[in-house]
Structure formats: C-alpha cells, structure tokens
Amino acid sequence: MRIPNHIGVIPDGNRRWAAQRGLPKEMGYREGLEPGLKLLRLCRDMGVKELTYYGFTVDNTKRPAPQTKAFIQACIESIAMIAEEDVSLLVMGNTQSKMFPRELLPYTRRTNVGKGGMRVNFLVNYGWEWDLSNLLAAQQHRKKVTKGIKSNDISRVDLLIRWGGRRRLSGFLPAQSVYADFYVIDDYWPDFQEKHFYDALNWYDSQDITLGG
C-alpha cells in the first residue's frame, strides 16, 4: 500500500455532535481530544512522516465566547497530550493576536519531545491570509515561494481528511494543499473510528497521483 508522507486533518463536526445530543455546542470540543491522540498513533504505526491538525482559525474566534474559550482550551489540552508522545512538534499560527494561547508559545519553534520522531503540526489561530502575507514580497525578490510563507517548515500535504461531511478546504494550508487528495468522512470528529483512517488510506492508494504531470 502507498502511504502518504503527510496527512492533513480537519476535525469538523464537534458543535453538531453536541447539538445532536441536546448539549451546548461548546461541549463538543473536548470530545475530540482522544480521537486526535488515537489518530496520531495510527499514523505513526503506518509510517506517516508528517501529520497536521487544524485546531482553530482566526475566523473561528468570531464565534460566541463560550465556544471560543472551549476550543482554545481543547487545543491547549490536545497539544499537552501530544507532547507526551515521541514527536517533532510545531504549533503554527498568529502569535501576535491575543487569541493565541500563551501556553503554546514554547512550541512555535519545532521542538523534539520525548525521543522525537514523526513531525506533528497543529494550526492554532491560523489564517491563510496571515500565512501567505509575505508571499508577494518573496516573489518580488525572486526567493523560493515556500520561503515566503510563514508555514515554510510544513511540507506538501499528500492526503487531506475532513470529518463532518463538509466539502471545503476552509483555508487549510493553501500553499501545501495544492495537490492534496481530499477525502471526506460524513461522521462527526468525536465519532472517530479507526476504520475511517484505514478507509482513507485505501482510497488514497487507489488514486492516480500525478502532481499535475
């Protein structure tokens, strides 16, 4: 089986999961913590070299305060869990904003935790316009395009998996996702199953990967 080097994850459907159960929408975010850790370990076992989670975006912070507080806290707790694993960890996002949690600043430069290993990226207070803000200047100075983006330490995405049934990129790493194969799972992220991951890998293995060639 051909295994993607880099998998991107959009863990959507947390609020809808909670609403479906008669709970406040903000109650859904904590339910995504354990699935995130399970997916990391599955990726590592399968030989995936890099994994990127979509935490929250600059636009997400416009949501009601209880939801904003809940998903920021969920990101903090999720990264604390990941930091107990053997990975090379990077938190990427707009650190100049007050919405970026100060607790995560130590990880805004790639850090080996444990024994190091698989590269794990977590997008926190991320915005595609913020990410590409230096791109034009880099092109004008004839620098490599990847050096003109803030996420230049993140490699090209091979497979992007989105839970929650939505068919949109939502601004996820646009420079790295230009040739990503996009697999959508209708189940909500808190209902994660290992089968979702293996189905995505099997689907990816059947794709004709040409990178435009």
N, C-alpha and C. Protein backbone atom coordinates (compact mmCIF):
# COMPACT_ATOMS: atom_id res chain seq x y z
N MET A 1 0.84 -1.20 0.00
CA MET A 1 0.00 0.00 0.00
C MET A 1 0.88 1.25 0.00
N ARG A 2 0.51 2.24 -0.82
CA ARG A 2 1.23 3.51 -0.83
C ARG A 2 0.74 4.36 0.34
N ILE A 3 1.64 4.74 1.23
CA ILE A 3 1.29 5.53 2.41
C ILE A 3 1.65 6.99 2.15
N PRO A 4 0.73 7.91 2.38
CA PRO A 4 1.06 9.33 2.20
C PRO A 4 2.13 9.78 3.19
N ASN A 5 3.04 10.60 2.72
CA ASN A 5 4.06 11.14 3.61
C ASN A 5 3.46 12.10 4.63
N HIS A 6 2.50 12.91 4.17
CA HIS A 6 1.94 13.96 5.02
C HIS A 6 0.42 13.92 4.93
N ILE A 7 -0.22 13.78 6.08
CA ILE A 7 -1.68 13.78 6.18
C ILE A 7 -2.14 15.03 6.91
N GLY A 8 -3.09 15.73 6.33
CA GLY A 8 -3.73 16.86 6.99
C GLY A 8 -5.09 16.43 7.52
N VAL A 9 -5.49 17.00 8.65
CA VAL A 9 -6.73 16.59 9.32
C VAL A 9 -7.59 17.81 9.63
N ILE A 10 -8.82 17.81 9.15
CA ILE A 10 -9.81 18.83 9.54
C ILE A 10 -10.85 18.12 10.40
N PRO A 11 -10.76 18.29 11.72
CA PRO A 11 -11.62 17.53 12.65
C PRO A 11 -12.95 18.25 12.91
N ASP A 12 -13.81 18.25 11.92
CA ASP A 12 -15.03 19.06 11.96
C ASP A 12 -16.21 18.27 12.54
N GLY A 13 -17.23 19.01 12.97
CA GLY A 13 -18.47 18.40 13.43
C GLY A 13 -18.64 18.36 14.94
N ASN A 14 -17.73 18.99 15.68
CA ASN A 14 -17.81 18.96 17.15
C ASN A 14 -19.09 19.63 17.66
N ARG A 15 -19.43 20.80 17.12
CA ARG A 15 -20.62 21.52 17.58
C ARG A 15 -21.89 20.77 17.19
N ARG A 16 -21.91 20.24 15.98
CA ARG A 16 -23.10 19.50 15.54
C ARG A 16 -23.26 18.21 16.35
N TRP A 17 -22.15 17.60 16.72
CA TRP A 17 -22.20 16.41 17.57
C TRP A 17 -22.88 16.74 18.90
N ALA A 18 -22.49 17.86 19.50
CA ALA A 18 -23.06 18.25 20.79
C ALA A 18 -24.55 18.62 20.65
N ALA A 19 -24.87 19.41 19.62
CA ALA A 19 -26.26 19.84 19.42
C ALA A 19 -27.18 18.64 19.19
N GLN A 20 -26.68 17.65 18.48
CA GLN A 20 -27.46 16.45 18.21
C GLN A 20 -27.83 15.71 19.49
N ARG A 21 -27.05 15.93 20.53
CA ARG A 21 -27.28 15.27 21.82
C ARG A 21 -27.92 16.20 22.85
N GLY A 22 -28.38 17.35 22.39
CA GLY A 22 -29.04 18.30 23.28
C GLY A 22 -28.10 19.02 24.22
N LEU A 23 -26.82 19.06 23.87
CA LEU A 23 -25.81 19.71 24.71
C LEU A 23 -25.45 21.08 24.15
N PRO A 24 -24.94 21.99 24.98
CA PRO A 24 -24.41 23.25 24.44
C PRO A 24 -23.32 22.95 23.42
N LYS A 25 -23.23 23.74 22.37
CA LYS A 25 -22.29 23.46 21.29
C LYS A 25 -20.84 23.37 21.77
N GLU A 26 -20.50 24.18 22.77
CA GLU A 26 -19.12 24.18 23.23
C GLU A 26 -18.71 22.87 23.91
N MET A 27 -19.68 22.04 24.24
CA MET A 27 -19.38 20.78 24.91
C MET A 27 -18.76 19.75 23.97
N GLY A 28 -18.82 20.01 22.67
CA GLY A 28 -18.32 19.03 21.72
C GLY A 28 -16.82 19.00 21.56
N TYR A 29 -16.14 20.08 21.91
CA TYR A 29 -14.71 20.17 21.59
C TYR A 29 -13.85 19.18 22.39
N ARG A 30 -14.15 19.03 23.66
CA ARG A 30 -13.35 18.11 24.48
C ARG A 30 -13.46 16.67 23.98
N GLU A 31 -14.58 16.37 23.31
CA GLU A 31 -14.77 15.00 22.82
C GLU A 31 -13.81 14.67 21.68
N GLY A 32 -13.15 15.68 21.15
CA GLY A 32 -12.21 15.43 20.07
C GLY A 32 -10.78 15.18 20.51
N LEU A 33 -10.51 15.24 21.81
CA LEU A 33 -9.15 15.08 22.29
C LEU A 33 -8.63 13.66 22.10
N GLU A 34 -9.37 12.70 22.57
CA GLU A 34 -8.93 11.30 22.48
C GLU A 34 -8.82 10.83 21.03
N PRO A 35 -9.79 11.18 20.15
CA PRO A 35 -9.62 10.81 18.74
C PRO A 35 -8.33 11.34 18.13
N GLY A 36 -7.95 12.55 18.52
CA GLY A 36 -6.72 13.12 17.98
C GLY A 36 -5.50 12.30 18.33
N LEU A 37 -5.45 11.82 19.56
CA LEU A 37 -4.31 11.02 20.01
C LEU A 37 -4.32 9.65 19.34
N LYS A 38 -5.51 9.07 19.19
CA LYS A 38 -5.61 7.77 18.51
C LYS A 38 -5.13 7.88 17.07
N LEU A 39 -5.53 8.95 16.39
CA LEU A 39 -5.12 9.12 15.00
C LEU A 39 -3.62 9.29 14.88
N LEU A 40 -3.03 10.05 15.79
CA LEU A 40 -1.58 10.23 15.77
C LEU A 40 -0.87 8.88 15.84
N ARG A 41 -1.31 8.04 16.75
CA ARG A 41 -0.64 6.75 16.93
C ARG A 41 -0.85 5.83 15.74
N LEU A 42 -2.03 5.90 15.12
CA LEU A 42 -2.27 5.12 13.92
C LEU A 42 -1.36 5.57 12.79
N CYS A 43 -1.23 6.89 12.62
CA CYS A 43 -0.36 7.42 11.57
C CYS A 43 1.08 6.98 11.79
N ARG A 44 1.54 7.07 13.02
CA ARG A 44 2.91 6.69 13.34
C ARG A 44 3.15 5.21 13.05
N ASP A 45 2.17 4.37 13.42
CA ASP A 45 2.30 2.93 13.20
C ASP A 45 2.34 2.59 11.71
N MET A 46 1.66 3.40 10.88
CA MET A 46 1.61 3.14 9.45
C MET A 46 2.77 3.77 8.69
N GLY A 47 3.61 4.52 9.38
CA GLY A 47 4.78 5.08 8.73
C GLY A 47 4.56 6.45 8.10
N VAL A 48 3.47 7.13 8.48
CA VAL A 48 3.26 8.51 8.01
C VAL A 48 4.36 9.38 8.62
N LYS A 49 4.94 10.24 7.81
CA LYS A 49 6.08 11.05 8.27
C LYS A 49 5.66 12.39 8.88
N GLU A 50 4.50 12.90 8.48
CA GLU A 50 4.07 14.22 8.97
C GLU A 50 2.55 14.25 9.08
N LEU A 51 2.07 14.89 10.12
CA LEU A 51 0.63 14.98 10.40
C LEU A 51 0.31 16.39 10.85
N THR A 52 -0.70 17.00 10.22
CA THR A 52 -1.10 18.36 10.60
C THR A 52 -2.57 18.39 10.99
N TYR A 53 -2.84 18.89 12.20
CA TYR A 53 -4.20 19.07 12.69
C TYR A 53 -4.64 20.52 12.49
N TYR A 54 -5.90 20.70 12.11
CA TYR A 54 -6.49 22.03 12.08
C TYR A 54 -7.13 22.28 13.44
N GLY A 55 -6.53 23.17 14.23
CA GLY A 55 -7.08 23.48 15.55
C GLY A 55 -8.21 24.49 15.44
N PHE A 56 -7.84 25.78 15.31
CA PHE A 56 -8.86 26.79 15.05
C PHE A 56 -8.24 27.91 14.23
N THR A 57 -9.12 28.64 13.53
CA THR A 57 -8.68 29.70 12.64
C THR A 57 -8.97 31.07 13.25
N VAL A 58 -8.37 32.07 12.64
CA VAL A 58 -8.65 33.45 13.05
C VAL A 58 -10.15 33.73 12.93
N ASP A 59 -10.78 33.23 11.86
CA ASP A 59 -12.22 33.44 11.67
C ASP A 59 -13.05 32.74 12.74
N ASN A 60 -12.58 31.58 13.21
CA ASN A 60 -13.32 30.86 14.25
C ASN A 60 -13.48 31.68 15.52
N THR A 61 -12.55 32.60 15.78
CA THR A 61 -12.59 33.37 17.02
C THR A 61 -13.73 34.38 17.04
N LYS A 62 -14.48 34.48 15.94
CA LYS A 62 -15.65 35.36 15.90
C LYS A 62 -16.89 34.67 16.49
N ARG A 63 -16.75 33.41 16.84
CA ARG A 63 -17.87 32.67 17.40
C ARG A 63 -18.17 33.14 18.83
N PRO A 64 -19.33 32.75 19.39
CA PRO A 64 -19.66 33.16 20.76
C PRO A 64 -18.56 32.80 21.75
N ALA A 65 -18.40 33.63 22.77
CA ALA A 65 -17.30 33.48 23.73
C ALA A 65 -17.21 32.09 24.36
N PRO A 66 -18.31 31.46 24.77
CA PRO A 66 -18.18 30.12 25.38
C PRO A 66 -17.56 29.11 24.42
N GLN A 67 -17.90 29.20 23.14
CA GLN A 67 -17.32 28.29 22.15
C GLN A 67 -15.84 28.59 21.94
N THR A 68 -15.52 29.88 21.83
CA THR A 68 -14.12 30.27 21.63
C THR A 68 -13.26 29.78 22.78
N LYS A 69 -13.71 30.02 23.99
CA LYS A 69 -12.96 29.58 25.16
C LYS A 69 -12.79 28.06 25.16
N ALA A 70 -13.83 27.35 24.75
CA ALA A 70 -13.81 25.89 24.78
C ALA A 70 -12.84 25.33 23.75
N PHE A 71 -12.84 25.87 22.52
CA PHE A 71 -11.93 25.28 21.53
C PHE A 71 -10.47 25.69 21.76
N ILE A 72 -10.24 26.86 22.35
CA ILE A 72 -8.87 27.22 22.72
C ILE A 72 -8.36 26.28 23.80
N GLN A 73 -9.18 26.02 24.80
CA GLN A 73 -8.77 25.11 25.87
C GLN A 73 -8.56 23.70 25.34
N ALA A 74 -9.41 23.27 24.40
CA ALA A 74 -9.25 21.94 23.82
C ALA A 74 -7.92 21.82 23.08
N CYS A 75 -7.52 22.89 22.39
CA CYS A 75 -6.23 22.88 21.69
C CYS A 75 -5.08 22.78 22.69
N ILE A 76 -5.16 23.54 23.76
CA ILE A 76 -4.11 23.50 24.79
C ILE A 76 -3.98 22.09 25.35
N GLU A 77 -5.11 21.47 25.67
CA GLU A 77 -5.08 20.13 26.25
C GLU A 77 -4.61 19.09 25.24
N SER A 78 -5.04 19.26 24.00
CA SER A 78 -4.64 18.32 22.95
C SER A 78 -3.13 18.35 22.74
N ILE A 79 -2.56 19.54 22.69
CA ILE A 79 -1.12 19.67 22.47
C ILE A 79 -0.34 19.15 23.68
N ALA A 80 -0.89 19.33 24.87
CA ALA A 80 -0.26 18.75 26.06
C ALA A 80 -0.21 17.23 25.97
N MET A 81 -1.26 16.63 25.42
CA MET A 81 -1.29 15.18 25.24
C MET A 81 -0.27 14.74 24.18
N ILE A 82 -0.21 15.49 23.08
CA ILE A 82 0.73 15.17 22.01
C ILE A 82 2.16 15.29 22.51
N ALA A 83 2.40 16.26 23.39
CA ALA A 83 3.76 16.50 23.92
C ALA A 83 4.24 15.36 24.81
N GLU A 84 3.35 14.41 25.12
CA GLU A 84 3.75 13.22 25.87
C GLU A 84 4.21 12.11 24.94
N GLU A 85 4.05 12.32 23.63
CA GLU A 85 4.44 11.32 22.64
C GLU A 85 5.85 11.60 22.13
N ASP A 86 6.40 10.69 21.34
CA ASP A 86 7.70 10.88 20.71
C ASP A 86 7.49 11.50 19.33
N VAL A 87 7.50 12.82 19.27
CA VAL A 87 7.23 13.52 18.02
C VAL A 87 8.10 14.78 17.92
N SER A 88 8.12 15.33 16.71
CA SER A 88 8.71 16.64 16.47
C SER A 88 7.55 17.61 16.28
N LEU A 89 7.31 18.47 17.27
CA LEU A 89 6.07 19.23 17.38
C LEU A 89 6.24 20.69 16.99
N LEU A 90 5.28 21.19 16.20
CA LEU A 90 5.25 22.60 15.83
C LEU A 90 3.83 23.11 15.93
N VAL A 91 3.65 24.23 16.65
CA VAL A 91 2.37 24.93 16.69
C VAL A 91 2.50 26.15 15.79
N MET A 92 1.59 26.27 14.83
CA MET A 92 1.68 27.32 13.82
C MET A 92 0.43 28.21 13.86
N GLY A 93 0.64 29.52 14.01
CA GLY A 93 -0.48 30.44 14.00
C GLY A 93 -0.04 31.85 14.35
N ASN A 94 -0.97 32.76 14.31
CA ASN A 94 -0.68 34.17 14.55
C ASN A 94 -0.49 34.42 16.04
N THR A 95 0.76 34.45 16.46
CA THR A 95 1.09 34.63 17.88
C THR A 95 0.93 36.07 18.35
N GLN A 96 0.78 37.01 17.40
CA GLN A 96 0.65 38.42 17.77
C GLN A 96 -0.76 38.75 18.27
N SER A 97 -1.68 37.87 18.00
CA SER A 97 -3.08 38.08 18.40
C SER A 97 -3.29 37.65 19.85
N LYS A 98 -4.17 38.34 20.54
CA LYS A 98 -4.48 37.97 21.92
C LYS A 98 -5.21 36.64 22.00
N MET A 99 -5.71 36.16 20.85
CA MET A 99 -6.43 34.89 20.84
C MET A 99 -5.48 33.69 20.81
N PHE A 100 -4.19 33.93 20.60
CA PHE A 100 -3.24 32.83 20.62
C PHE A 100 -2.89 32.50 22.07
N PRO A 101 -3.10 31.25 22.49
CA PRO A 101 -2.84 30.91 23.90
C PRO A 101 -1.35 30.97 24.24
N ARG A 102 -1.03 31.71 25.27
CA ARG A 102 0.37 31.89 25.68
C ARG A 102 1.03 30.57 26.07
N GLU A 103 0.23 29.62 26.53
CA GLU A 103 0.78 28.33 26.97
C GLU A 103 1.47 27.58 25.83
N LEU A 104 1.10 27.93 24.59
CA LEU A 104 1.63 27.19 23.44
C LEU A 104 2.83 27.86 22.79
N LEU A 105 3.23 29.00 23.28
CA LEU A 105 4.37 29.71 22.70
C LEU A 105 5.65 28.87 22.65
N PRO A 106 5.93 28.04 23.65
CA PRO A 106 7.17 27.24 23.58
C PRO A 106 7.24 26.31 22.38
N TYR A 107 6.09 26.00 21.78
CA TYR A 107 6.08 25.06 20.66
C TYR A 107 6.01 25.76 19.30
N THR A 108 6.11 27.07 19.27
CA THR A 108 6.02 27.79 18.00
C THR A 108 7.32 27.71 17.19
N ARG A 109 8.34 27.09 17.77
CA ARG A 109 9.50 26.63 17.02
C ARG A 109 9.53 25.13 17.16
N ARG A 110 9.83 24.45 16.05
CA ARG A 110 9.75 22.99 16.08
C ARG A 110 10.60 22.42 17.22
N THR A 111 9.96 21.54 18.00
CA THR A 111 10.56 21.01 19.22
C THR A 111 10.45 19.50 19.25
N ASN A 112 11.56 18.84 19.48
CA ASN A 112 11.51 17.39 19.69
C ASN A 112 11.06 17.12 21.12
N VAL A 113 9.98 16.35 21.23
CA VAL A 113 9.52 15.94 22.56
C VAL A 113 9.67 14.43 22.67
N GLY A 114 9.94 13.96 23.88
CA GLY A 114 10.26 12.55 24.04
C GLY A 114 11.52 12.24 23.25
N LYS A 115 11.45 11.22 22.42
CA LYS A 115 12.58 10.81 21.58
C LYS A 115 12.54 11.49 20.21
N GLY A 116 11.57 12.40 20.01
CA GLY A 116 11.40 12.98 18.68
C GLY A 116 10.78 11.94 17.76
N GLY A 117 10.68 12.26 16.48
CA GLY A 117 10.11 11.29 15.55
C GLY A 117 9.22 11.97 14.53
N MET A 118 8.03 11.42 14.30
CA MET A 118 7.11 11.94 13.30
C MET A 118 6.87 13.43 13.51
N ARG A 119 6.85 14.17 12.43
CA ARG A 119 6.58 15.61 12.51
C ARG A 119 5.07 15.82 12.70
N VAL A 120 4.70 16.54 13.75
CA VAL A 120 3.30 16.84 14.04
C VAL A 120 3.14 18.35 14.11
N ASN A 121 2.22 18.87 13.31
CA ASN A 121 1.93 20.30 13.27
C ASN A 121 0.51 20.53 13.76
N PHE A 122 0.32 21.63 14.47
CA PHE A 122 -1.01 21.97 15.00
C PHE A 122 -1.27 23.43 14.65
N LEU A 123 -2.31 23.67 13.86
CA LEU A 123 -2.65 25.03 13.43
C LEU A 123 -3.56 25.68 14.46
N VAL A 124 -3.06 26.73 15.09
CA VAL A 124 -3.77 27.41 16.18
C VAL A 124 -3.83 28.90 15.86
N ASN A 125 -5.05 29.45 15.84
CA ASN A 125 -5.25 30.84 15.45
C ASN A 125 -4.61 31.10 14.08
N TYR A 126 -4.85 30.15 13.18
CA TYR A 126 -4.26 30.17 11.85
C TYR A 126 -5.20 30.88 10.87
N GLY A 127 -4.60 31.60 9.93
CA GLY A 127 -5.36 32.23 8.85
C GLY A 127 -4.55 32.16 7.57
N TRP A 128 -5.20 31.80 6.49
CA TRP A 128 -4.46 31.64 5.23
C TRP A 128 -3.87 32.97 4.75
N GLU A 129 -4.59 34.07 4.97
CA GLU A 129 -4.05 35.37 4.55
C GLU A 129 -2.82 35.73 5.39
N TRP A 130 -2.88 35.46 6.66
CA TRP A 130 -1.72 35.66 7.53
C TRP A 130 -0.55 34.82 7.07
N ASP A 131 -0.82 33.57 6.72
CA ASP A 131 0.24 32.65 6.31
C ASP A 131 0.92 33.13 5.03
N LEU A 132 0.14 33.61 4.08
CA LEU A 132 0.69 33.99 2.78
C LEU A 132 1.10 35.45 2.70
N SER A 133 1.11 36.15 3.82
CA SER A 133 1.31 37.60 3.82
C SER A 133 2.65 38.03 3.23
N ASN A 134 3.67 37.19 3.35
CA ASN A 134 4.98 37.54 2.83
C ASN A 134 5.24 36.99 1.44
N LEU A 135 4.26 36.31 0.86
CA LEU A 135 4.48 35.61 -0.40
C LEU A 135 4.83 36.56 -1.54
N LEU A 136 4.07 37.63 -1.69
CA LEU A 136 4.31 38.57 -2.79
C LEU A 136 5.70 39.18 -2.69
N ALA A 137 6.09 39.56 -1.48
CA ALA A 137 7.41 40.15 -1.30
C ALA A 137 8.50 39.15 -1.67
N ALA A 138 8.28 37.89 -1.33
CA ALA A 138 9.27 36.86 -1.65
C ALA A 138 9.38 36.68 -3.16
N GLN A 139 8.24 36.70 -3.85
CA GLN A 139 8.26 36.56 -5.30
C GLN A 139 8.97 37.74 -5.96
N GLN A 140 8.73 38.94 -5.43
CA GLN A 140 9.35 40.11 -6.00
C GLN A 140 10.87 40.07 -5.85
N HIS A 141 11.33 39.43 -4.79
CA HIS A 141 12.76 39.32 -4.56
C HIS A 141 13.33 38.00 -5.09
N ARG A 142 12.47 37.30 -5.87
CA ARG A 142 12.88 36.06 -6.54
C ARG A 142 13.36 34.99 -5.55
N LYS A 143 12.76 34.99 -4.40
CA LYS A 143 13.05 33.94 -3.43
C LYS A 143 12.13 32.75 -3.70
N LYS A 144 12.49 31.60 -3.14
CA LYS A 144 11.63 30.44 -3.29
C LYS A 144 10.28 30.74 -2.64
N VAL A 145 9.21 30.27 -3.31
CA VAL A 145 7.86 30.56 -2.82
C VAL A 145 7.68 30.05 -1.40
N THR A 146 8.16 28.84 -1.12
CA THR A 146 7.93 28.26 0.21
C THR A 146 8.60 29.08 1.31
N LYS A 147 9.61 29.86 0.97
CA LYS A 147 10.27 30.69 1.97
C LYS A 147 9.49 31.97 2.23
N GLY A 148 8.48 32.24 1.39
CA GLY A 148 7.70 33.46 1.55
C GLY A 148 6.46 33.29 2.40
N ILE A 149 6.23 32.08 2.89
CA ILE A 149 5.07 31.83 3.73
C ILE A 149 5.52 31.49 5.14
N LYS A 150 4.67 31.82 6.10
CA LYS A 150 5.05 31.58 7.49
C LYS A 150 5.10 30.09 7.82
N SER A 151 4.35 29.29 7.09
CA SER A 151 4.33 27.85 7.34
C SER A 151 5.38 27.13 6.49
N ASN A 152 6.51 27.77 6.24
CA ASN A 152 7.51 27.19 5.33
C ASN A 152 8.16 25.93 5.90
N ASP A 153 7.99 25.65 7.19
CA ASP A 153 8.56 24.44 7.78
C ASP A 153 7.59 23.26 7.72
N ILE A 154 6.48 23.44 7.00
CA ILE A 154 5.49 22.37 6.84
C ILE A 154 5.52 21.91 5.38
N SER A 155 5.59 20.61 5.16
CA SER A 155 5.77 20.08 3.81
C SER A 155 4.44 19.99 3.06
N ARG A 156 4.54 19.64 1.79
CA ARG A 156 3.35 19.48 0.94
C ARG A 156 2.45 18.38 1.50
N VAL A 157 1.15 18.64 1.54
CA VAL A 157 0.17 17.67 2.04
C VAL A 157 -0.18 16.69 0.92
N ASP A 158 -0.12 15.39 1.22
CA ASP A 158 -0.49 14.36 0.24
C ASP A 158 -1.97 13.99 0.34
N LEU A 159 -2.44 13.82 1.56
CA LEU A 159 -3.83 13.40 1.79
C LEU A 159 -4.44 14.29 2.87
N LEU A 160 -5.57 14.90 2.53
CA LEU A 160 -6.30 15.73 3.49
C LEU A 160 -7.61 15.02 3.82
N ILE A 161 -7.81 14.74 5.10
CA ILE A 161 -9.02 14.05 5.55
C ILE A 161 -9.87 15.01 6.36
N ARG A 162 -11.13 15.14 5.97
CA ARG A 162 -12.05 16.03 6.70
C ARG A 162 -13.22 15.22 7.25
N TRP A 163 -13.42 15.31 8.55
CA TRP A 163 -14.60 14.73 9.19
C TRP A 163 -15.74 15.74 9.15
N GLY A 164 -16.97 15.27 9.32
CA GLY A 164 -18.12 16.16 9.44
C GLY A 164 -18.89 16.42 8.17
N GLY A 165 -18.44 15.85 7.04
CA GLY A 165 -19.24 15.89 5.82
C GLY A 165 -19.11 17.13 4.95
N ARG A 166 -18.44 18.16 5.41
CA ARG A 166 -18.30 19.38 4.61
C ARG A 166 -17.28 19.17 3.49
N ARG A 167 -17.59 19.70 2.31
CA ARG A 167 -16.69 19.58 1.16
C ARG A 167 -16.03 20.91 0.88
N ARG A 168 -15.20 21.37 1.79
CA ARG A 168 -14.47 22.61 1.57
C ARG A 168 -13.16 22.59 2.33
N LEU A 169 -12.21 23.38 1.81
CA LEU A 169 -10.86 23.42 2.36
C LEU A 169 -10.79 24.26 3.63
N SER A 170 -11.65 25.26 3.74
CA SER A 170 -11.68 26.14 4.91
C SER A 170 -10.34 26.80 5.21
N GLY A 171 -9.58 27.09 4.15
CA GLY A 171 -8.32 27.82 4.32
C GLY A 171 -7.17 26.99 4.84
N PHE A 172 -7.29 25.67 4.82
CA PHE A 172 -6.25 24.79 5.38
C PHE A 172 -5.00 24.82 4.50
N LEU A 173 -3.91 25.38 5.02
CA LEU A 173 -2.60 25.36 4.37
C LEU A 173 -2.70 25.41 2.84
N PRO A 174 -3.17 26.51 2.27
CA PRO A 174 -3.41 26.53 0.82
C PRO A 174 -2.17 26.26 -0.02
N ALA A 175 -1.01 26.74 0.41
CA ALA A 175 0.21 26.52 -0.38
C ALA A 175 0.61 25.05 -0.38
N GLN A 176 0.42 24.37 0.75
CA GLN A 176 0.84 22.97 0.86
C GLN A 176 -0.20 22.00 0.32
N SER A 177 -1.44 22.47 0.14
CA SER A 177 -2.54 21.57 -0.23
C SER A 177 -2.90 21.62 -1.70
N VAL A 178 -2.08 22.26 -2.51
CA VAL A 178 -2.45 22.45 -3.92
C VAL A 178 -2.65 21.13 -4.67
N TYR A 179 -1.92 20.08 -4.28
CA TYR A 179 -2.06 18.79 -4.94
C TYR A 179 -2.55 17.71 -3.99
N ALA A 180 -3.10 18.11 -2.86
CA ALA A 180 -3.58 17.12 -1.89
C ALA A 180 -4.82 16.40 -2.41
N ASP A 181 -4.88 15.09 -2.18
CA ASP A 181 -6.12 14.35 -2.41
C ASP A 181 -7.01 14.55 -1.19
N PHE A 182 -8.31 14.80 -1.43
CA PHE A 182 -9.24 15.26 -0.40
C PHE A 182 -10.27 14.16 -0.14
N TYR A 183 -10.25 13.61 1.08
CA TYR A 183 -11.16 12.54 1.46
C TYR A 183 -12.09 13.04 2.56
N VAL A 184 -13.40 12.89 2.34
CA VAL A 184 -14.39 13.42 3.28
C VAL A 184 -15.11 12.27 3.98
N ILE A 185 -15.22 12.40 5.29
CA ILE A 185 -15.93 11.43 6.13
C ILE A 185 -17.18 12.11 6.68
N ASP A 186 -18.33 11.51 6.49
CA ASP A 186 -19.57 12.15 6.91
C ASP A 186 -19.75 12.15 8.42
N ASP A 187 -19.19 11.19 9.13
CA ASP A 187 -19.32 11.15 10.59
C ASP A 187 -18.62 12.35 11.22
N TYR A 188 -19.12 12.77 12.37
CA TYR A 188 -18.51 13.89 13.10
C TYR A 188 -17.21 13.44 13.76
N TRP A 189 -16.31 14.39 13.96
CA TRP A 189 -15.00 14.07 14.53
C TRP A 189 -15.07 13.32 15.86
N PRO A 190 -15.95 13.71 16.81
CA PRO A 190 -15.99 12.96 18.07
C PRO A 190 -16.37 11.49 17.90
N ASP A 191 -16.96 11.14 16.74
CA ASP A 191 -17.34 9.75 16.47
C ASP A 191 -16.24 9.01 15.68
N PHE A 192 -15.02 9.50 15.77
CA PHE A 192 -13.88 8.90 15.07
C PHE A 192 -13.80 7.40 15.30
N GLN A 193 -13.51 6.69 14.21
CA GLN A 193 -13.26 5.25 14.27
C GLN A 193 -11.98 4.95 13.49
N GLU A 194 -11.27 3.94 13.92
CA GLU A 194 -10.07 3.53 13.19
C GLU A 194 -10.38 3.21 11.74
N LYS A 195 -11.57 2.69 11.50
CA LYS A 195 -11.99 2.35 10.13
C LYS A 195 -11.94 3.58 9.22
N HIS A 196 -12.29 4.75 9.76
CA HIS A 196 -12.23 5.97 8.95
C HIS A 196 -10.83 6.15 8.36
N PHE A 197 -9.84 5.98 9.21
CA PHE A 197 -8.46 6.17 8.80
C PHE A 197 -8.04 5.15 7.75
N TYR A 198 -8.34 3.90 7.99
CA TYR A 198 -7.94 2.85 7.05
C TYR A 198 -8.69 2.97 5.73
N ASP A 199 -9.96 3.38 5.79
CA ASP A 199 -10.72 3.61 4.54
C ASP A 199 -10.08 4.74 3.73
N ALA A 200 -9.63 5.79 4.43
CA ALA A 200 -8.99 6.91 3.74
C ALA A 200 -7.68 6.46 3.08
N LEU A 201 -6.90 5.63 3.78
CA LEU A 201 -5.65 5.13 3.21
C LEU A 201 -5.91 4.26 1.99
N ASN A 202 -6.92 3.40 2.07
CA ASN A 202 -7.24 2.53 0.94
C ASN A 202 -7.69 3.35 -0.26
N TRP A 203 -8.48 4.39 0.01
CA TRP A 203 -8.93 5.27 -1.08
C TRP A 203 -7.73 5.99 -1.70
N TYR A 204 -6.83 6.50 -0.87
CA TYR A 204 -5.65 7.20 -1.36
C TYR A 204 -4.79 6.28 -2.23
N ASP A 205 -4.67 5.05 -1.81
CA ASP A 205 -3.86 4.08 -2.54
C ASP A 205 -4.38 3.83 -3.95
N SER A 206 -5.68 4.07 -4.15
CA SER A 206 -6.29 3.82 -5.47
C SER A 206 -6.24 5.04 -6.39
N GLN A 207 -5.75 6.19 -5.88
CA GLN A 207 -5.74 7.39 -6.68
C GLN A 207 -4.54 7.45 -7.62
N ASP A 208 -4.73 8.13 -8.73
CA ASP A 208 -3.65 8.33 -9.69
C ASP A 208 -2.93 9.61 -9.32
N ILE A 209 -1.80 9.49 -8.64
CA ILE A 209 -1.06 10.65 -8.14
C ILE A 209 -0.09 11.13 -9.22
N THR A 210 -0.39 12.26 -9.86
CA THR A 210 0.46 12.77 -10.93
C THR A 210 1.12 14.11 -10.60
N LEU A 211 0.62 14.80 -9.58
CA LEU A 211 1.12 16.14 -9.22
C LEU A 211 1.14 17.08 -10.42
N GLY A 212 0.12 16.91 -11.26
CA GLY A 212 -0.03 17.79 -12.43
C GLY A 212 0.73 17.33 -13.65
N GLY A 213 1.55 16.27 -13.53
CA GLY A 213 2.38 15.82 -14.63
C GLY A 213 1.64 14.89 -15.59
